[in-house]
Amino acid sequence: MIASPTAPTRIILDTDMAMGVPGSDIDDGFALALALTEPDITVEMVTTVNGNADVESASYLTGELLDRLGAPHVPVVQGAAAPIQYPDKFRCAPEKVRAEFGHRRPRQGYAASELAKQAAEAPGELTVVAIGPLTNVAAAINLDPAFARNVKEIVIMGGVFLEHTNVSGMPGEFNFWMDPEAAEAVLRSGAAIRLVGLDVTLKVQLTREHAEKMRAGASRFGSFAGDYTMGWIDYLAVKNPGDPNAGKSCAMHDPLAVAAVSRPELLTWKDAHVEVVTGPSIARGVAVADFLTTDNPPQPNVKIAVDVDADAFISHFLDRLSSV
């Protein structure tokens, strides 16, 4: 008997999209591009959240990028404008972004509500790939406690587990640091969770040479992405003058979380129990990982990526993006 082909994994991508604004992080855009080009993934919806960009800008930029990638049919639903515990810390889109991209309105509704609704309508079928702060996902759990059981899996780009950021002003990885209360709520939810943190994402780097090749290509997305990659690398060189690698490359944090869905064999996984430091603490946003090595370990609540075949990932990433 010939085995039937496995159906593509249906995902909702939850993102704080910033690609499209000079000097802004770009890896969310590459994550969306990779998800759309992976034959083993179907992107059902994109939800946006405050993070690298304000949520309004993230929604506009997502719409622009979907158009460039030939996927204007994918719905965009706007989400949380601020962290759960600090709703007063919301930001509005800069006038320049609103003027250039504001015509790309998201669908009516709220991201947390849509996440809960979509998961309830297809229990066990949807994977949420969360590549920004976890505010929307935590809110979906608050709206519907069954959400954690209804989702097939939550794959999160967030945290650092085997080392430290060594930055006192942001001791936790950015997505966890932006809304640690949300991250802790998601980790306590009982959902099936995989974490892709800085321990592995910093190993996958897009170089100036890669960017130049994209910029020289004929595709609408490739030339655009190449320009913004070069701009982001230039920005990192100015921001981190003491880093000997600054100005040479940039990490593909978020695309690796997408690859964890379609190519999980590229990563090495370990069971762990993770909690996140919350509140006004010097360690705010820090993820504390227990790898269950003691005589009486806690129950595991996640699988953590602890290593990656970086060369194989970059090869796969560039191959998939060559199609757009």
Protein backbone atom coordinates (compact mmCIF):
# COMPACT_ATOMS: atom_id res chain seq x y z
CA MET A 1 0.00 0.00 0.00
CA ILE A 2 1.28 3.48 -0.87
CA ALA A 3 1.17 5.81 2.12
CA SER A 4 -0.91 8.92 1.60
CA PRO A 5 1.07 12.18 1.67
CA THR A 6 1.02 14.04 4.96
CA ALA A 7 -1.23 17.09 4.90
CA PRO A 8 0.53 20.44 5.35
CA THR A 9 0.59 21.85 8.86
CA ARG A 10 -1.95 24.63 9.23
CA ILE A 11 -0.45 27.59 11.07
CA ILE A 12 -1.40 31.00 12.39
CA LEU A 13 1.66 33.25 12.47
CA ASP A 14 1.61 35.73 15.36
CA THR A 15 4.11 38.50 14.66
CA ASP A 16 5.37 41.98 15.52
CA MET A 17 6.27 42.63 11.87
CA ALA A 18 8.79 45.42 11.27
CA MET A 19 10.31 44.61 7.86
CA GLY A 20 9.63 47.55 5.56
CA VAL A 21 10.80 50.37 7.82
CA PRO A 22 14.50 51.35 7.47
CA GLY A 23 16.53 50.48 10.55
CA SER A 24 13.96 47.98 11.80
CA ASP A 25 14.41 44.27 12.48
CA ILE A 26 13.78 42.10 9.43
CA ASP A 27 13.55 38.49 10.53
CA ASP A 28 9.76 38.53 11.01
CA GLY A 29 9.44 39.28 7.29
CA PHE A 30 11.71 36.41 6.40
CA ALA A 31 9.71 34.12 8.70
CA LEU A 32 6.52 34.98 6.82
CA ALA A 33 8.24 34.43 3.48
CA LEU A 34 9.59 31.07 4.58
CA ALA A 35 6.20 29.95 5.92
CA LEU A 36 4.51 30.85 2.62
CA THR A 37 7.08 28.97 0.55
CA GLU A 38 7.22 25.81 2.68
CA PRO A 39 5.19 23.06 0.93
CA ASP A 40 4.57 21.45 4.34
CA ILE A 41 2.92 24.59 5.78
CA THR A 42 -0.34 26.38 5.06
CA VAL A 43 -0.59 29.90 6.49
CA GLU A 44 -4.22 30.30 7.56
CA MET A 45 -3.93 33.76 9.10
CA VAL A 46 -1.44 36.31 10.41
CA THR A 47 -2.10 38.04 13.73
CA THR A 48 -0.11 41.06 14.84
CA VAL A 49 1.16 42.19 18.23
CA ASN A 50 3.07 45.08 19.76
CA GLY A 51 6.81 44.41 19.92
CA ASN A 52 9.53 45.32 17.43
CA ALA A 53 6.94 47.65 15.92
CA ASP A 54 3.74 49.08 17.30
CA VAL A 55 0.82 46.81 16.46
CA GLU A 56 -0.73 49.24 13.98
CA SER A 57 2.48 49.43 11.95
CA ALA A 58 2.90 45.66 12.22
CA SER A 59 -0.53 45.16 10.64
CA TYR A 60 0.16 47.58 7.77
CA LEU A 61 3.59 46.11 7.08
CA THR A 62 2.24 42.55 7.14
CA GLY A 63 -0.33 43.47 4.49
CA GLU A 64 2.36 45.07 2.35
CA LEU A 65 4.60 42.02 2.64
CA LEU A 66 1.80 39.56 1.86
CA ASP A 67 1.19 41.49 -1.34
CA ARG A 68 4.87 41.37 -2.27
CA LEU A 69 4.89 37.64 -1.59
CA GLY A 70 1.86 37.02 -3.79
CA ALA A 71 -0.41 36.08 -0.88
CA PRO A 72 -2.85 39.00 -0.45
CA HIS A 73 -5.60 36.49 0.32
CA VAL A 74 -4.11 35.61 3.73
CA PRO A 75 -6.13 37.51 6.37
CA VAL A 76 -4.40 39.84 8.84
CA VAL A 77 -6.01 40.44 12.24
CA GLN A 78 -4.64 43.09 14.59
CA GLY A 79 -3.92 42.21 18.19
CA ALA A 80 -2.59 43.60 21.44
CA ALA A 81 -1.25 47.16 21.41
CA ALA A 82 0.60 46.85 24.74
CA PRO A 83 1.80 44.26 27.27
CA ILE A 84 -0.85 42.63 29.48
CA GLN A 85 0.23 44.30 32.72
CA TYR A 86 0.96 47.72 31.21
CA PRO A 87 -1.91 48.65 28.87
CA ASP A 88 -0.88 52.31 29.09
CA LYS A 89 2.36 51.58 27.26
CA PHE A 90 0.76 51.45 23.82
CA ARG A 91 2.28 53.12 20.77
CA CYS A 92 0.69 54.47 17.60
CA ALA A 93 2.08 54.11 14.11
CA PRO A 94 4.46 56.89 13.03
CA GLU A 95 2.83 59.27 10.56
CA LYS A 96 5.30 58.23 7.85
CA VAL A 97 4.33 54.57 8.19
CA ARG A 98 0.63 55.41 8.32
CA ALA A 99 0.91 57.59 5.21
CA GLU A 100 2.80 54.97 3.19
CA PHE A 101 1.12 51.76 4.33
CA GLY A 102 -2.08 52.79 6.14
CA HIS A 103 -4.29 51.79 3.22
CA ARG A 104 -3.56 48.13 4.08
CA ARG A 105 -6.22 47.72 6.73
CA PRO A 106 -6.38 44.49 8.73
CA ARG A 107 -9.56 42.44 8.94
CA GLN A 108 -12.16 43.50 11.51
CA GLY A 109 -11.78 41.74 14.84
CA TYR A 110 -9.20 41.06 17.52
CA ALA A 111 -6.29 38.65 17.32
CA ALA A 112 -6.88 36.89 20.65
CA SER A 113 -10.53 36.29 19.79
CA GLU A 114 -9.62 34.93 16.35
CA LEU A 115 -6.95 32.65 17.79
CA ALA A 116 -9.43 31.17 20.25
CA LYS A 117 -12.18 30.91 17.62
CA GLN A 118 -10.02 29.29 14.94
CA ALA A 119 -8.60 26.73 17.38
CA ALA A 120 -12.08 25.87 18.72
CA GLU A 121 -13.39 25.31 15.20
CA ALA A 122 -10.52 22.93 14.31
CA PRO A 123 -9.33 21.30 17.54
CA GLY A 124 -5.96 19.58 17.22
CA GLU A 125 -5.33 20.96 13.74
CA LEU A 126 -3.83 24.44 14.14
CA THR A 127 -0.27 25.30 15.15
CA VAL A 128 0.42 28.81 16.41
CA VAL A 129 3.90 30.07 15.50
CA ALA A 130 4.49 32.99 17.85
CA ILE A 131 7.47 35.13 16.85
CA GLY A 132 6.69 38.26 18.87
CA PRO A 133 5.72 38.93 22.49
CA LEU A 134 3.13 36.43 23.70
CA THR A 135 0.40 38.94 24.61
CA ASN A 136 -2.11 37.69 22.03
CA VAL A 137 -1.58 34.04 22.91
CA ALA A 138 -1.99 34.68 26.64
CA ALA A 139 -5.13 36.70 25.96
CA ALA A 140 -6.55 33.83 23.86
CA ILE A 141 -6.00 31.51 26.83
CA ASN A 142 -7.82 33.99 29.09
CA LEU A 143 -10.73 34.19 26.64
CA ASP A 144 -11.05 30.43 26.27
CA PRO A 145 -9.23 28.12 28.71
CA ALA A 146 -9.80 25.30 26.19
CA PHE A 147 -7.55 27.12 23.71
CA ALA A 148 -4.47 25.41 25.18
CA ARG A 149 -6.05 22.01 24.46
CA ASN A 150 -7.51 23.01 21.11
CA VAL A 151 -4.23 24.08 19.49
CA LYS A 152 -2.09 21.32 18.09
CA GLU A 153 1.07 23.09 19.27
CA ILE A 154 2.51 26.51 20.05
CA VAL A 155 5.99 27.07 18.60
CA ILE A 156 7.61 30.10 20.19
CA MET A 157 10.64 32.14 19.23
CA GLY A 158 11.54 33.37 22.67
CA GLY A 159 13.81 32.99 25.65
CA VAL A 160 17.42 32.06 26.21
CA PHE A 161 18.05 28.89 28.18
CA LEU A 162 21.68 27.80 28.13
CA GLU A 163 23.30 31.19 28.62
CA HIS A 164 22.41 34.84 29.33
CA THR A 165 21.85 37.99 27.31
CA ASN A 166 24.59 39.76 29.32
CA VAL A 167 22.63 42.99 28.92
CA SER A 168 21.51 44.38 32.28
CA GLY A 169 18.87 46.61 30.68
CA MET A 170 17.23 43.64 28.97
CA PRO A 171 18.22 40.49 30.86
CA GLY A 172 15.57 38.39 29.16
CA GLU A 173 15.33 37.71 25.44
CA PHE A 174 13.32 40.52 23.79
CA ASN A 175 9.98 38.72 23.24
CA PHE A 176 9.88 37.42 26.83
CA TRP A 177 11.22 40.71 28.24
CA MET A 178 8.52 42.76 26.47
CA ASP A 179 5.70 40.81 28.16
CA PRO A 180 6.99 38.27 30.69
CA GLU A 181 3.57 37.99 32.34
CA ALA A 182 2.16 36.77 29.04
CA ALA A 183 5.05 34.36 28.52
CA GLU A 184 4.60 32.88 31.98
CA ALA A 185 0.85 32.49 31.43
CA VAL A 186 1.41 30.62 28.18
CA LEU A 187 4.00 28.31 29.74
CA ARG A 188 1.57 27.48 32.56
CA SER A 189 -1.31 26.78 30.19
CA GLY A 190 -0.70 23.09 29.57
CA ALA A 191 -0.44 23.55 25.80
CA ALA A 192 2.07 21.54 23.78
CA ILE A 193 4.94 24.02 23.44
CA ARG A 194 8.29 24.10 21.68
CA LEU A 195 10.73 26.93 22.38
CA VAL A 196 13.32 28.21 19.91
CA GLY A 197 15.54 30.64 21.80
CA LEU A 198 18.66 32.71 21.33
CA ASP A 199 20.82 29.69 22.17
CA VAL A 200 20.17 28.41 18.65
CA THR A 201 18.88 31.39 16.66
CA LEU A 202 22.14 33.31 17.02
CA LYS A 203 23.86 30.44 15.22
CA VAL A 204 21.92 31.03 11.99
CA GLN A 205 23.26 34.17 10.32
CA LEU A 206 22.40 35.90 7.06
CA THR A 207 25.51 37.60 5.69
CA ARG A 208 26.11 40.66 3.52
CA GLU A 209 26.95 38.27 0.69
CA HIS A 210 23.56 36.60 1.02
CA ALA A 211 21.87 40.01 1.04
CA GLU A 212 23.75 41.15 -2.05
CA LYS A 213 22.62 38.07 -3.96
CA MET A 214 19.01 38.69 -2.96
CA ARG A 215 19.27 42.36 -3.89
CA ALA A 216 20.67 41.48 -7.31
CA GLY A 217 17.82 39.05 -8.02
CA ALA A 218 14.82 39.73 -10.21
CA SER A 219 12.06 38.85 -7.74
CA ARG A 220 9.97 41.59 -6.16
CA PHE A 221 10.52 40.26 -2.68
CA GLY A 222 14.21 39.36 -3.06
CA SER A 223 15.42 42.80 -4.08
CA PHE A 224 13.28 44.46 -1.39
CA ALA A 225 14.48 42.01 1.29
CA GLY A 226 18.10 42.38 0.23
CA ASP A 227 17.91 46.15 0.64
CA TYR A 228 16.40 45.92 4.11
CA THR A 229 18.84 43.20 5.18
CA MET A 230 21.78 45.44 4.29
CA GLY A 231 20.14 48.31 6.16
CA TRP A 232 19.62 46.15 9.25
CA ILE A 233 23.22 44.88 9.21
CA ASP A 234 24.44 48.47 8.92
CA TYR A 235 22.25 49.44 11.86
CA LEU A 236 23.62 46.60 14.00
CA ALA A 237 27.18 47.72 13.23
CA VAL A 238 26.41 51.18 14.63
CA LYS A 239 24.40 49.87 17.59
CA ASN A 240 27.01 47.29 18.68
CA PRO A 241 30.43 48.85 17.97
CA GLY A 242 32.21 46.50 20.39
CA ASP A 243 30.97 43.34 18.70
CA PRO A 244 33.61 41.97 16.29
CA ASN A 245 30.87 40.38 14.15
CA ALA A 246 28.71 43.49 13.95
CA GLY A 247 28.33 44.71 10.39
CA LYS A 248 28.91 41.28 8.88
CA SER A 249 25.61 39.47 9.32
CA CYS A 250 22.30 39.29 11.20
CA ALA A 251 20.55 36.42 12.95
CA MET A 252 17.50 34.71 11.48
CA HIS A 253 15.69 34.25 14.80
CA ASP A 254 12.09 34.02 13.58
CA PRO A 255 12.59 31.95 10.42
CA LEU A 256 14.14 29.23 12.56
CA ALA A 257 10.87 28.97 14.50
CA VAL A 258 9.06 28.43 11.19
CA ALA A 259 11.60 25.79 10.19
CA ALA A 260 10.95 24.06 13.52
CA VAL A 261 7.49 23.26 12.14
CA SER A 262 8.48 22.08 8.66
CA ARG A 263 12.02 20.80 9.33
CA PRO A 264 12.19 19.89 13.05
CA GLU A 265 15.07 17.51 12.37
CA LEU A 266 17.35 20.52 11.84
CA LEU A 267 17.16 21.17 15.58
CA THR A 268 18.05 19.14 18.66
CA TRP A 269 15.29 19.11 21.30
CA LYS A 270 15.25 18.52 25.05
CA ASP A 271 12.35 18.27 27.47
CA ALA A 272 12.42 20.90 30.19
CA HIS A 273 10.38 22.82 32.73
CA VAL A 274 10.55 26.58 32.12
CA GLU A 275 9.29 29.53 34.13
CA VAL A 276 9.73 33.23 33.42
CA VAL A 277 10.67 35.93 35.92
CA THR A 278 7.88 38.53 36.09
CA GLY A 279 7.28 41.77 37.94
CA PRO A 280 9.63 44.74 38.48
CA SER A 281 12.76 42.66 38.94
CA ILE A 282 16.35 43.06 37.74
CA ALA A 283 15.80 39.65 36.11
CA ARG A 284 12.51 40.58 34.44
CA GLY A 285 11.90 38.36 31.42
CA VAL A 286 14.60 35.84 32.25
CA ALA A 287 13.64 32.23 31.46
CA VAL A 288 14.66 29.70 34.10
CA ALA A 289 15.01 26.27 32.51
CA ASP A 290 15.18 23.02 34.45
CA PHE A 291 16.39 20.19 32.21
CA LEU A 292 15.05 17.53 34.61
CA THR A 293 18.41 16.15 35.70
CA THR A 294 17.80 15.95 39.47
CA ASP A 295 16.34 13.06 41.47
CA ASN A 296 12.97 14.76 41.85
CA PRO A 297 12.53 16.99 38.79
CA PRO A 298 9.45 19.10 38.04
CA GLN A 299 7.08 18.02 35.29
CA PRO A 300 8.24 19.09 31.81
CA ASN A 301 6.09 21.78 30.21
CA VAL A 302 8.08 22.43 27.01
CA LYS A 303 10.57 21.09 24.52
CA ILE A 304 13.55 23.41 24.02
CA ALA A 305 15.79 23.62 20.96
CA VAL A 306 19.35 23.27 22.26
CA ASP A 307 21.27 22.98 18.99
CA VAL A 308 20.82 23.52 15.26
CA ASP A 309 22.44 22.42 12.01
CA ALA A 310 23.08 26.02 11.01
CA ASP A 311 24.53 25.28 7.56
CA ALA A 312 21.61 23.03 6.63
CA PHE A 313 19.11 25.63 7.82
CA ILE A 314 20.69 28.50 5.86
CA SER A 315 20.86 26.32 2.75
CA HIS A 316 17.19 25.37 3.10
CA PHE A 317 16.20 28.97 3.90
CA LEU A 318 17.93 30.43 0.85
CA ASP A 319 16.58 27.68 -1.40
CA ARG A 320 12.99 28.34 -0.34
CA LEU A 321 13.34 32.11 -0.65
CA SER A 322 14.76 31.81 -4.15
CA SER A 323 11.22 30.93 -5.26
CA VAL A 324 9.86 34.36 -4.36
